[in-house]
Amino acid sequence: MRCRCTDIAKVTKDIERCSTAQKGLGKLAQADATLTGSAGRLSSALAGCATPKNLSSLTSKASQLDKTVASKRSSMDKSLASEVTRLKARLTTLRSEDKAYHATPPAGS
């Protein structure tokens, strides 16, 4: 058994990083929604300037890209949530070990 203070600090920092990344993904989702709305308005404004075939093609490609990005973002969010759960369990174990280590009197005393 050894002191786990350094390990606790490292795991805590990792949890903070994952949480920060999750918040960033949330901001990306908001930005994506704003961009999608703007693209929709632009598409409507351009309806008179583009042929229906071109407009349909562009709208379809944009929609497919939105789905791909949303799927990747969701997958990343799930991975980060899973990692945070794993790290929190590890942190609990480390704190337990550290508490036991610091509660034990040094050998030979």
PDB file of N, CA and C in Angstrom:
ATOM      1  N   MET A   1       0.858  -1.177   0.000  1.00  0.00           N
ATOM      2  CA  MET A   1       0.000   0.000   0.000  1.00  0.00           C
ATOM      3  C   MET A   1       0.898   1.232   0.000  1.00  0.00           C
ATOM      4  N   ARG A   2       0.497   2.223  -0.778  1.00  0.00           N
ATOM      5  CA  ARG A   2       1.267   3.457  -0.852  1.00  0.00           C
ATOM      6  C   ARG A   2       0.347   4.664  -0.898  1.00  0.00           C
ATOM      7  N   CYS A   3       0.939   5.835  -0.721  1.00  0.00           N
ATOM      8  CA  CYS A   3       0.192   7.084  -0.800  1.00  0.00           C
ATOM      9  C   CYS A   3      -0.357   7.249  -2.222  1.00  0.00           C
ATOM     10  N   ARG A   4      -1.616   7.628  -2.318  1.00  0.00           N
ATOM     11  CA  ARG A   4      -2.273   7.774  -3.624  1.00  0.00           C
ATOM     12  C   ARG A   4      -2.591   9.234  -3.956  1.00  0.00           C
ATOM     13  N   CYS A   5      -2.026  10.164  -3.190  1.00  0.00           N
ATOM     14  CA  CYS A   5      -2.345  11.580  -3.398  1.00  0.00           C
ATOM     15  C   CYS A   5      -2.041  12.042  -4.826  1.00  0.00           C
ATOM     16  N   THR A   6      -0.907  11.651  -5.377  1.00  0.00           N
ATOM     17  CA  THR A   6      -0.545  12.045  -6.742  1.00  0.00           C
ATOM     18  C   THR A   6      -1.514  11.439  -7.752  1.00  0.00           C
ATOM     19  N   ASP A   7      -1.843  10.155  -7.561  1.00  0.00           N
ATOM     20  CA  ASP A   7      -2.789   9.487  -8.465  1.00  0.00           C
ATOM     21  C   ASP A   7      -4.170  10.142  -8.389  1.00  0.00           C
ATOM     22  N   ILE A   8      -4.588  10.511  -7.189  1.00  0.00           N
ATOM     23  CA  ILE A   8      -5.883  11.181  -7.001  1.00  0.00           C
ATOM     24  C   ILE A   8      -5.903  12.501  -7.771  1.00  0.00           C
ATOM     25  N   ALA A   9      -4.814  13.255  -7.684  1.00  0.00           N
ATOM     26  CA  ALA A   9      -4.729  14.535  -8.400  1.00  0.00           C
ATOM     27  C   ALA A   9      -4.809  14.322  -9.913  1.00  0.00           C
ATOM     28  N   LYS A  10      -4.130  13.292 -10.410  1.00  0.00           N
ATOM     29  CA  LYS A  10      -4.136  13.014 -11.851  1.00  0.00           C
ATOM     30  C   LYS A  10      -5.534  12.603 -12.336  1.00  0.00           C
ATOM     31  N   VAL A  11      -6.189  11.730 -11.595  1.00  0.00           N
ATOM     32  CA  VAL A  11      -7.520  11.267 -11.989  1.00  0.00           C
ATOM     33  C   VAL A  11      -8.530  12.422 -11.909  1.00  0.00           C
ATOM     34  N   THR A  12      -8.408  13.237 -10.881  1.00  0.00           N
ATOM     35  CA  THR A  12      -9.286  14.400 -10.745  1.00  0.00           C
ATOM     36  C   THR A  12      -9.120  15.333 -11.941  1.00  0.00           C
ATOM     37  N   LYS A  13      -7.879  15.551 -12.366  1.00  0.00           N
ATOM     38  CA  LYS A  13      -7.609  16.407 -13.525  1.00  0.00           C
ATOM     39  C   LYS A  13      -8.203  15.790 -14.792  1.00  0.00           C
ATOM     40  N   ASP A  14      -8.097  14.473 -14.929  1.00  0.00           N
ATOM     41  CA  ASP A  14      -8.678  13.792 -16.091  1.00  0.00           C
ATOM     42  C   ASP A  14     -10.199  13.948 -16.123  1.00  0.00           C
ATOM     43  N   ILE A  15     -10.830  13.850 -14.963  1.00  0.00           N
ATOM     44  CA  ILE A  15     -12.289  14.034 -14.881  1.00  0.00           C
ATOM     45  C   ILE A  15     -12.654  15.456 -15.315  1.00  0.00           C
ATOM     46  N   GLU A  16     -11.875  16.430 -14.854  1.00  0.00           N
ATOM     47  CA  GLU A  16     -12.126  17.824 -15.234  1.00  0.00           C
ATOM     48  C   GLU A  16     -11.988  18.010 -16.737  1.00  0.00           C
ATOM     49  N   ARG A  17     -10.975  17.389 -17.337  1.00  0.00           N
ATOM     50  CA  ARG A  17     -10.765  17.508 -18.785  1.00  0.00           C
ATOM     51  C   ARG A  17     -11.940  16.901 -19.559  1.00  0.00           C
ATOM     52  N   CYS A  18     -12.377  15.740 -19.132  1.00  0.00           N
ATOM     53  CA  CYS A  18     -13.517  15.092 -19.806  1.00  0.00           C
ATOM     54  C   CYS A  18     -14.779  15.938 -19.674  1.00  0.00           C
ATOM     55  N   SER A  19     -14.997  16.495 -18.493  1.00  0.00           N
ATOM     56  CA  SER A  19     -16.168  17.343 -18.271  1.00  0.00           C
ATOM     57  C   SER A  19     -16.106  18.597 -19.141  1.00  0.00           C
ATOM     58  N   THR A  20     -14.919  19.171 -19.273  1.00  0.00           N
ATOM     59  CA  THR A  20     -14.734  20.343 -20.122  1.00  0.00           C
ATOM     60  C   THR A  20     -15.026  19.985 -21.578  1.00  0.00           C
ATOM     61  N   ALA A  21     -14.561  18.817 -22.004  1.00  0.00           N
ATOM     62  CA  ALA A  21     -14.831  18.364 -23.375  1.00  0.00           C
ATOM     63  C   ALA A  21     -16.326  18.167 -23.600  1.00  0.00           C
ATOM     64  N   GLN A  22     -17.026  17.619 -22.609  1.00  0.00           N
ATOM     65  CA  GLN A  22     -18.476  17.427 -22.741  1.00  0.00           C
ATOM     66  C   GLN A  22     -19.188  18.775 -22.870  1.00  0.00           C
ATOM     67  N   LYS A  23     -18.751  19.754 -22.099  1.00  0.00           N
ATOM     68  CA  LYS A  23     -19.357  21.088 -22.194  1.00  0.00           C
ATOM     69  C   LYS A  23     -19.104  21.669 -23.584  1.00  0.00           C
ATOM     70  N   GLY A  24     -17.900  21.449 -24.107  1.00  0.00           N
ATOM     71  CA  GLY A  24     -17.570  21.915 -25.449  1.00  0.00           C
ATOM     72  C   GLY A  24     -18.457  21.276 -26.502  1.00  0.00           C
ATOM     73  N   LEU A  25     -18.742  19.995 -26.335  1.00  0.00           N
ATOM     74  CA  LEU A  25     -19.638  19.314 -27.270  1.00  0.00           C
ATOM     75  C   LEU A  25     -21.037  19.906 -27.217  1.00  0.00           C
ATOM     76  N   GLY A  26     -21.467  20.278 -26.017  1.00  0.00           N
ATOM     77  CA  GLY A  26     -22.781  20.921 -25.875  1.00  0.00           C
ATOM     78  C   GLY A  26     -22.818  22.253 -26.610  1.00  0.00           C
ATOM     79  N   LYS A  27     -21.723  23.008 -26.519  1.00  0.00           N
ATOM     80  CA  LYS A  27     -21.656  24.288 -27.230  1.00  0.00           C
ATOM     81  C   LYS A  27     -21.638  24.059 -28.741  1.00  0.00           C
ATOM     82  N   LEU A  28     -20.962  22.995 -29.165  1.00  0.00           N
ATOM     83  CA  LEU A  28     -20.951  22.661 -30.593  1.00  0.00           C
ATOM     84  C   LEU A  28     -22.354  22.327 -31.085  1.00  0.00           C
ATOM     85  N   ALA A  29     -23.111  21.632 -30.268  1.00  0.00           N
ATOM     86  CA  ALA A  29     -24.488  21.286 -30.643  1.00  0.00           C
ATOM     87  C   ALA A  29     -25.322  22.551 -30.837  1.00  0.00           C
ATOM     88  N   GLN A  30     -25.139  23.509 -29.943  1.00  0.00           N
ATOM     89  CA  GLN A  30     -25.867  24.776 -30.069  1.00  0.00           C
ATOM     90  C   GLN A  30     -25.441  25.522 -31.331  1.00  0.00           C
ATOM     91  N   ALA A  31     -24.138  25.554 -31.581  1.00  0.00           N
ATOM     92  CA  ALA A  31     -23.625  26.230 -32.774  1.00  0.00           C
ATOM     93  C   ALA A  31     -24.126  25.533 -34.033  1.00  0.00           C
ATOM     94  N   ASP A  32     -24.171  24.210 -33.994  1.00  0.00           N
ATOM     95  CA  ASP A  32     -24.653  23.445 -35.143  1.00  0.00           C
ATOM     96  C   ASP A  32     -26.119  23.760 -35.426  1.00  0.00           C
ATOM     97  N   ALA A  33     -26.915  23.863 -34.380  1.00  0.00           N
ATOM     98  CA  ALA A  33     -28.332  24.194 -34.556  1.00  0.00           C
ATOM     99  C   ALA A  33     -28.484  25.584 -35.167  1.00  0.00           C
ATOM    100  N   THR A  34     -27.667  26.515 -34.721  1.00  0.00           N
ATOM    101  CA  THR A  34     -27.699  27.870 -35.269  1.00  0.00           C
ATOM    102  C   THR A  34     -27.306  27.858 -36.743  1.00  0.00           C
ATOM    103  N   LEU A  35     -26.250  27.106 -37.051  1.00  0.00           N
ATOM    104  CA  LEU A  35     -25.783  27.009 -38.429  1.00  0.00           C
ATOM    105  C   LEU A  35     -26.823  26.346 -39.329  1.00  0.00           C
ATOM    106  N   THR A  36     -27.457  25.312 -38.823  1.00  0.00           N
ATOM    107  CA  THR A  36     -28.496  24.628 -39.597  1.00  0.00           C
ATOM    108  C   THR A  36     -29.655  25.579 -39.892  1.00  0.00           C
ATOM    109  N   GLY A  37     -30.046  26.344 -38.891  1.00  0.00           N
ATOM    110  CA  GLY A  37     -31.118  27.325 -39.087  1.00  0.00           C
ATOM    111  C   GLY A  37     -30.728  28.380 -40.116  1.00  0.00           C
ATOM    112  N   SER A  38     -29.493  28.854 -40.033  1.00  0.00           N
ATOM    113  CA  SER A  38     -29.017  29.855 -40.985  1.00  0.00           C
ATOM    114  C   SER A  38     -28.959  29.283 -42.395  1.00  0.00           C
ATOM    115  N   ALA A  39     -28.508  28.034 -42.509  1.00  0.00           N
ATOM    116  CA  ALA A  39     -28.441  27.389 -43.821  1.00  0.00           C
ATOM    117  C   ALA A  39     -29.840  27.221 -44.412  1.00  0.00           C
ATOM    118  N   GLY A  40     -30.801  26.897 -43.575  1.00  0.00           N
ATOM    119  CA  GLY A  40     -32.187  26.760 -44.036  1.00  0.00           C
ATOM    120  C   GLY A  40     -32.733  28.079 -44.560  1.00  0.00           C
ATOM    121  N   ARG A  41     -32.439  29.158 -43.823  1.00  0.00           N
ATOM    122  CA  ARG A  41     -32.895  30.482 -44.261  1.00  0.00           C
ATOM    123  C   ARG A  41     -32.201  30.893 -45.558  1.00  0.00           C
ATOM    124  N   LEU A  42     -30.921  30.566 -45.668  1.00  0.00           N
ATOM    125  CA  LEU A  42     -30.180  30.881 -46.890  1.00  0.00           C
ATOM    126  C   LEU A  42     -30.748  30.093 -48.067  1.00  0.00           C
ATOM    127  N   SER A  43     -31.063  28.832 -47.814  1.00  0.00           N
ATOM    128  CA  SER A  43     -31.646  27.992 -48.858  1.00  0.00           C
ATOM    129  C   SER A  43     -32.960  28.584 -49.352  1.00  0.00           C
ATOM    130  N   SER A  44     -33.760  29.056 -48.429  1.00  0.00           N
ATOM    131  CA  SER A  44     -35.041  29.673 -48.810  1.00  0.00           C
ATOM    132  C   SER A  44     -34.808  30.946 -49.616  1.00  0.00           C
ATOM    133  N   ALA A  45     -33.835  31.732 -49.196  1.00  0.00           N
ATOM    134  CA  ALA A  45     -33.540  32.986 -49.894  1.00  0.00           C
ATOM    135  C   ALA A  45     -33.001  32.721 -51.296  1.00  0.00           C
ATOM    136  N   LEU A  46     -32.277  31.623 -51.449  1.00  0.00           N
ATOM    137  CA  LEU A  46     -31.682  31.305 -52.743  1.00  0.00           C
ATOM    138  C   LEU A  46     -32.617  30.521 -53.663  1.00  0.00           C
ATOM    139  N   ALA A  47     -33.772  30.172 -53.166  1.00  0.00           N
ATOM    140  CA  ALA A  47     -34.702  29.346 -53.959  1.00  0.00           C
ATOM    141  C   ALA A  47     -34.960  29.941 -55.334  1.00  0.00           C
ATOM    142  N   GLY A  48     -34.994  31.232 -55.447  1.00  0.00           N
ATOM    143  CA  GLY A  48     -35.238  31.873 -56.736  1.00  0.00           C
ATOM    144  C   GLY A  48     -33.994  31.960 -57.595  1.00  0.00           C
ATOM    145  N   CYS A  49     -32.808  31.720 -57.010  1.00  0.00           N
ATOM    146  CA  CYS A  49     -31.552  31.873 -57.743  1.00  0.00           C
ATOM    147  C   CYS A  49     -30.976  30.554 -58.227  1.00  0.00           C
ATOM    148  N   ALA A  50     -31.428  29.463 -57.688  1.00  0.00           N
ATOM    149  CA  ALA A  50     -30.868  28.159 -58.054  1.00  0.00           C
ATOM    150  C   ALA A  50     -31.959  27.305 -58.675  1.00  0.00           C
ATOM    151  N   THR A  51     -31.531  26.389 -59.475  1.00  0.00           N
ATOM    152  CA  THR A  51     -32.519  25.479 -60.049  1.00  0.00           C
ATOM    153  C   THR A  51     -33.010  24.544 -58.965  1.00  0.00           C
ATOM    154  N   PRO A  52     -34.229  24.074 -59.070  1.00  0.00           N
ATOM    155  CA  PRO A  52     -34.738  23.146 -58.046  1.00  0.00           C
ATOM    156  C   PRO A  52     -33.846  21.914 -57.875  1.00  0.00           C
ATOM    157  N   LYS A  53     -33.257  21.441 -58.987  1.00  0.00           N
ATOM    158  CA  LYS A  53     -32.379  20.271 -58.907  1.00  0.00           C
ATOM    159  C   LYS A  53     -31.155  20.580 -58.040  1.00  0.00           C
ATOM    160  N   ASN A  54     -30.514  21.716 -58.282  1.00  0.00           N
ATOM    161  CA  ASN A  54     -29.335  22.103 -57.501  1.00  0.00           C
ATOM    162  C   ASN A  54     -29.698  22.345 -56.043  1.00  0.00           C
ATOM    163  N   LEU A  55     -30.786  23.020 -55.827  1.00  0.00           N
ATOM    164  CA  LEU A  55     -31.211  23.331 -54.469  1.00  0.00           C
ATOM    165  C   LEU A  55     -31.506  22.051 -53.703  1.00  0.00           C
ATOM    166  N   SER A  56     -32.184  21.136 -54.339  1.00  0.00           N
ATOM    167  CA  SER A  56     -32.501  19.863 -53.707  1.00  0.00           C
ATOM    168  C   SER A  56     -31.222  19.097 -53.361  1.00  0.00           C
ATOM    169  N   SER A  57     -30.272  19.105 -54.276  1.00  0.00           N
ATOM    170  CA  SER A  57     -29.004  18.407 -54.070  1.00  0.00           C
ATOM    171  C   SER A  57     -28.228  19.027 -52.903  1.00  0.00           C
ATOM    172  N   LEU A  58     -28.160  20.347 -52.884  1.00  0.00           N
ATOM    173  CA  LEU A  58     -27.442  21.032 -51.806  1.00  0.00           C
ATOM    174  C   LEU A  58     -28.106  20.783 -50.453  1.00  0.00           C
ATOM    175  N   THR A  59     -29.422  20.867 -50.420  1.00  0.00           N
ATOM    176  CA  THR A  59     -30.163  20.644 -49.184  1.00  0.00           C
ATOM    177  C   THR A  59     -29.963  19.217 -48.688  1.00  0.00           C
ATOM    178  N   SER A  60     -29.981  18.284 -49.600  1.00  0.00           N
ATOM    179  CA  SER A  60     -29.779  16.879 -49.244  1.00  0.00           C
ATOM    180  C   SER A  60     -28.390  16.648 -48.667  1.00  0.00           C
ATOM    181  N   LYS A  61     -27.383  17.219 -49.310  1.00  0.00           N
ATOM    182  CA  LYS A  61     -26.003  17.061 -48.815  1.00  0.00           C
ATOM    183  C   LYS A  61     -25.822  17.717 -47.448  1.00  0.00           C
ATOM    184  N   ALA A  62     -26.402  18.881 -47.276  1.00  0.00           N
ATOM    185  CA  ALA A  62     -26.306  19.570 -45.989  1.00  0.00           C
ATOM    186  C   ALA A  62     -26.993  18.762 -44.899  1.00  0.00           C
ATOM    187  N   SER A  63     -28.129  18.195 -45.215  1.00  0.00           N
ATOM    188  CA  SER A  63     -28.871  17.385 -44.250  1.00  0.00           C
ATOM    189  C   SER A  63     -28.065  16.143 -43.858  1.00  0.00           C
ATOM    190  N   GLN A  64     -27.455  15.496 -44.835  1.00  0.00           N
ATOM    191  CA  GLN A  64     -26.646  14.302 -44.557  1.00  0.00           C
ATOM    192  C   GLN A  64     -25.443  14.663 -43.688  1.00  0.00           C
ATOM    193  N   LEU A  65     -24.819  15.800 -43.970  1.00  0.00           N
ATOM    194  CA  LEU A  65     -23.683  16.250 -43.164  1.00  0.00           C
ATOM    195  C   LEU A  65     -24.121  16.522 -41.733  1.00  0.00           C
ATOM    196  N   ASP A  66     -25.273  17.160 -41.574  1.00  0.00           N
ATOM    197  CA  ASP A  66     -25.804  17.427 -40.234  1.00  0.00           C
ATOM    198  C   ASP A  66     -25.978  16.118 -39.455  1.00  0.00           C
ATOM    199  N   LYS A  67     -26.537  15.112 -40.114  1.00  0.00           N
ATOM    200  CA  LYS A  67     -26.758  13.820 -39.451  1.00  0.00           C
ATOM    201  C   LYS A  67     -25.436  13.173 -39.060  1.00  0.00           C
ATOM    202  N   THR A  68     -24.446  13.242 -39.941  1.00  0.00           N
ATOM    203  CA  THR A  68     -23.133  12.652 -39.667  1.00  0.00           C
ATOM    204  C   THR A  68     -22.466  13.333 -38.485  1.00  0.00           C
ATOM    205  N   VAL A  69     -22.485  14.656 -38.497  1.00  0.00           N
ATOM    206  CA  VAL A  69     -21.864  15.415 -37.410  1.00  0.00           C
ATOM    207  C   VAL A  69     -22.583  15.139 -36.091  1.00  0.00           C
ATOM    208  N   ALA A  70     -23.891  15.133 -36.105  1.00  0.00           N
ATOM    209  CA  ALA A  70     -24.670  14.872 -34.889  1.00  0.00           C
ATOM    210  C   ALA A  70     -24.379  13.480 -34.349  1.00  0.00           C
ATOM    211  N   SER A  71     -24.258  12.513 -35.227  1.00  0.00           N
ATOM    212  CA  SER A  71     -23.960  11.139 -34.821  1.00  0.00           C
ATOM    213  C   SER A  71     -22.581  11.045 -34.175  1.00  0.00           C
ATOM    214  N   LYS A  72     -21.592  11.670 -34.801  1.00  0.00           N
ATOM    215  CA  LYS A  72     -20.226  11.655 -34.250  1.00  0.00           C
ATOM    216  C   LYS A  72     -20.186  12.357 -32.902  1.00  0.00           C
ATOM    217  N   ARG A  73     -20.882  13.480 -32.819  1.00  0.00           N
ATOM    218  CA  ARG A  73     -20.904  14.237 -31.563  1.00  0.00           C
ATOM    219  C   ARG A  73     -21.555  13.417 -30.459  1.00  0.00           C
ATOM    220  N   SER A  74     -22.638  12.737 -30.785  1.00  0.00           N
ATOM    221  CA  SER A  74     -23.328  11.893 -29.812  1.00  0.00           C
ATOM    222  C   SER A  74     -22.424  10.754 -29.340  1.00  0.00           C
ATOM    223  N   SER A  75     -21.731  10.154 -30.275  1.00  0.00           N
ATOM    224  CA  SER A  75     -20.811   9.069 -29.943  1.00  0.00           C
ATOM    225  C   SER A  75     -19.689   9.557 -29.020  1.00  0.00           C
ATOM    226  N   MET A  76     -19.158  10.725 -29.328  1.00  0.00           N
ATOM    227  CA  MET A  76     -18.099  11.295 -28.487  1.00  0.00           C
ATOM    228  C   MET A  76     -18.628  11.596 -27.086  1.00  0.00           C
ATOM    229  N   ASP A  77     -19.836  12.132 -27.015  1.00  0.00           N
ATOM    230  CA  ASP A  77     -20.431  12.461 -25.721  1.00  0.00           C
ATOM    231  C   ASP A  77     -20.618  11.200 -24.877  1.00  0.00           C
ATOM    232  N   LYS A  78     -21.102  10.131 -25.503  1.00  0.00           N
ATOM    233  CA  LYS A  78     -21.280   8.865 -24.783  1.00  0.00           C
ATOM    234  C   LYS A  78     -19.943   8.311 -24.303  1.00  0.00           C
ATOM    235  N   SER A  79     -18.922   8.408 -25.137  1.00  0.00           N
ATOM    236  CA  SER A  79     -17.589   7.930 -24.749  1.00  0.00           C
ATOM    237  C   SER A  79     -17.048   8.730 -23.570  1.00  0.00           C
ATOM    238  N   LEU A  80     -17.232  10.035 -23.622  1.00  0.00           N
ATOM    239  CA  LEU A  80     -16.760  10.882 -22.521  1.00  0.00           C
ATOM    240  C   LEU A  80     -17.525  10.587 -21.232  1.00  0.00           C
ATOM    241  N   ALA A  81     -18.831  10.403 -21.331  1.00  0.00           N
ATOM    242  CA  ALA A  81     -19.636  10.090 -20.146  1.00  0.00           C
ATOM    243  C   ALA A  81     -19.190   8.763 -19.538  1.00  0.00           C
ATOM    244  N   SER A  82     -18.926   7.793 -20.380  1.00  0.00           N
ATOM    245  CA  SER A  82     -18.455   6.493 -19.916  1.00  0.00           C
ATOM    246  C   SER A  82     -17.094   6.620 -19.227  1.00  0.00           C
ATOM    247  N   GLU A  83     -16.229   7.420 -19.804  1.00  0.00           N
ATOM    248  CA  GLU A  83     -14.897   7.623 -19.224  1.00  0.00           C
ATOM    249  C   GLU A  83     -14.996   8.342 -17.875  1.00  0.00           C
ATOM    250  N   VAL A  84     -15.870   9.319 -17.772  1.00  0.00           N
ATOM    251  CA  VAL A  84     -16.049  10.022 -16.493  1.00  0.00           C
ATOM    252  C   VAL A  84     -16.539   9.046 -15.427  1.00  0.00           C
ATOM    253  N   THR A  85     -17.467   8.183 -15.772  1.00  0.00           N
ATOM    254  CA  THR A  85     -17.972   7.180 -14.830  1.00  0.00           C
ATOM    255  C   THR A  85     -16.846   6.260 -14.366  1.00  0.00           C
ATOM    256  N   ARG A  86     -16.042   5.803 -15.324  1.00  0.00           N
ATOM    257  CA  ARG A  86     -14.908   4.925 -14.997  1.00  0.00           C
ATOM    258  C   ARG A  86     -13.904   5.641 -14.093  1.00  0.00           C
ATOM    259  N   LEU A  87     -13.600   6.893 -14.432  1.00  0.00           N
ATOM    260  CA  LEU A  87     -12.630   7.655 -13.642  1.00  0.00           C
ATOM    261  C   LEU A  87     -13.144   7.943 -12.229  1.00  0.00           C
ATOM    262  N   LYS A  88     -14.435   8.201 -12.103  1.00  0.00           N
ATOM    263  CA  LYS A  88     -15.002   8.453 -10.768  1.00  0.00           C
ATOM    264  C   LYS A  88     -14.924   7.199  -9.898  1.00  0.00           C
ATOM    265  N   ALA A  89     -15.151   6.046 -10.508  1.00  0.00           N
ATOM    266  CA  ALA A  89     -15.021   4.789  -9.756  1.00  0.00           C
ATOM    267  C   ALA A  89     -13.567   4.590  -9.326  1.00  0.00           C
ATOM    268  N   ARG A  90     -12.658   4.880 -10.224  1.00  0.00           N
ATOM    269  CA  ARG A  90     -11.226   4.767  -9.909  1.00  0.00           C
ATOM    270  C   ARG A  90     -10.860   5.741  -8.791  1.00  0.00           C
ATOM    271  N   LEU A  91     -11.389   6.944  -8.852  1.00  0.00           N
ATOM    272  CA  LEU A  91     -11.116   7.950  -7.828  1.00  0.00           C
ATOM    273  C   LEU A  91     -11.598   7.490  -6.461  1.00  0.00           C
ATOM    274  N   THR A  92     -12.762   6.875  -6.404  1.00  0.00           N
ATOM    275  CA  THR A  92     -13.293   6.353  -5.145  1.00  0.00           C
ATOM    276  C   THR A  92     -12.341   5.308  -4.561  1.00  0.00           C
ATOM    277  N   THR A  93     -11.862   4.414  -5.408  1.00  0.00           N
ATOM    278  CA  THR A  93     -10.917   3.382  -4.973  1.00  0.00           C
ATOM    279  C   THR A  93      -9.622   4.012  -4.470  1.00  0.00           C
ATOM    280  N   LEU A  94      -9.100   4.957  -5.220  1.00  0.00           N
ATOM    281  CA  LEU A  94      -7.850   5.618  -4.829  1.00  0.00           C
ATOM    282  C   LEU A  94      -7.996   6.346  -3.492  1.00  0.00           C
ATOM    283  N   ARG A  95      -9.111   7.014  -3.298  1.00  0.00           N
ATOM    284  CA  ARG A  95      -9.333   7.736  -2.036  1.00  0.00           C
ATOM    285  C   ARG A  95      -9.395   6.763  -0.855  1.00  0.00           C
ATOM    286  N   SER A  96     -10.015   5.628  -1.095  1.00  0.00           N
ATOM    287  CA  SER A  96     -10.093   4.603  -0.047  1.00  0.00           C
ATOM    288  C   SER A  96      -8.700   4.101   0.326  1.00  0.00           C
ATOM    289  N   GLU A  97      -7.926   3.774  -0.694  1.00  0.00           N
ATOM    290  CA  GLU A  97      -6.565   3.286  -0.466  1.00  0.00           C
ATOM    291  C   GLU A  97      -5.719   4.345   0.227  1.00  0.00           C
ATOM    292  N   ASP A  98      -5.879   5.592  -0.201  1.00  0.00           N
ATOM    293  CA  ASP A  98      -5.088   6.679   0.376  1.00  0.00           C
ATOM    294  C   ASP A  98      -5.462   6.918   1.836  1.00  0.00           C
ATOM    295  N   LYS A  99      -6.744   6.836   2.121  1.00  0.00           N
ATOM    296  CA  LYS A  99      -7.211   7.021   3.501  1.00  0.00           C
ATOM    297  C   LYS A  99      -6.630   5.927   4.405  1.00  0.00           C
ATOM    298  N   ALA A 100      -6.661   4.698   3.913  1.00  0.00           N
ATOM    299  CA  ALA A 100      -6.103   3.581   4.688  1.00  0.00           C
ATOM    300  C   ALA A 100      -4.605   3.753   4.883  1.00  0.00           C
ATOM    301  N   TYR A 101      -3.925   4.191   3.837  1.00  0.00           N
ATOM    302  CA  TYR A 101      -2.470   4.378   3.928  1.00  0.00           C
ATOM    303  C   TYR A 101      -2.132   5.444   4.975  1.00  0.00           C
ATOM    304  N   HIS A 102      -2.801   6.564   4.924  1.00  0.00           N
ATOM    305  CA  HIS A 102      -2.484   7.669   5.847  1.00  0.00           C
ATOM    306  C   HIS A 102      -2.974   7.380   7.272  1.00  0.00           C
ATOM    307  N   ALA A 103      -3.907   6.453   7.432  1.00  0.00           N
ATOM    308  CA  ALA A 103      -4.392   6.102   8.770  1.00  0.00           C
ATOM    309  C   ALA A 103      -3.496   5.076   9.446  1.00  0.00           C
ATOM    310  N   THR A 104      -2.697   4.374   8.652  1.00  0.00           N
ATOM    311  CA  THR A 104      -1.804   3.345   9.188  1.00  0.00           C
ATOM    312  C   THR A 104      -0.544   3.985   9.742  1.00  0.00           C
ATOM    313  N   PRO A 105      -0.194   3.666  11.012  1.00  0.00           N
ATOM    314  CA  PRO A 105       1.047   4.237  11.559  1.00  0.00           C
ATOM    315  C   PRO A 105       2.250   3.649  10.821  1.00  0.00           C
ATOM    316  N   PRO A 106       3.317   4.443  10.689  1.00  0.00           N
ATOM    317  CA  PRO A 106       4.517   3.953  10.005  1.00  0.00           C
ATOM    318  C   PRO A 106       5.076   2.718  10.701  1.00  0.00           C
ATOM    319  N   ALA A 107       5.670   1.817   9.920  1.00  0.00           N
ATOM    320  CA  ALA A 107       6.266   0.590  10.462  1.00  0.00           C
ATOM    321  C   ALA A 107       7.396   0.956  11.411  1.00  0.00           C
ATOM    322  N   GLY A 108       7.506   0.201  12.486  1.00  0.00           N
ATOM    323  CA  GLY A 108       8.582   0.417  13.451  1.00  0.00           C
ATOM    324  C   GLY A 108       8.304   1.481  14.485  1.00  0.00           C
ATOM    325  N   SER A 109       7.069   2.022  14.511  1.00  0.00           N
ATOM    326  CA  SER A 109       6.797   3.033  15.532  1.00  0.00           C
ATOM    327  C   SER A 109       6.204   2.413  16.756  1.00  0.00           C
TER     328      SER A 109
END
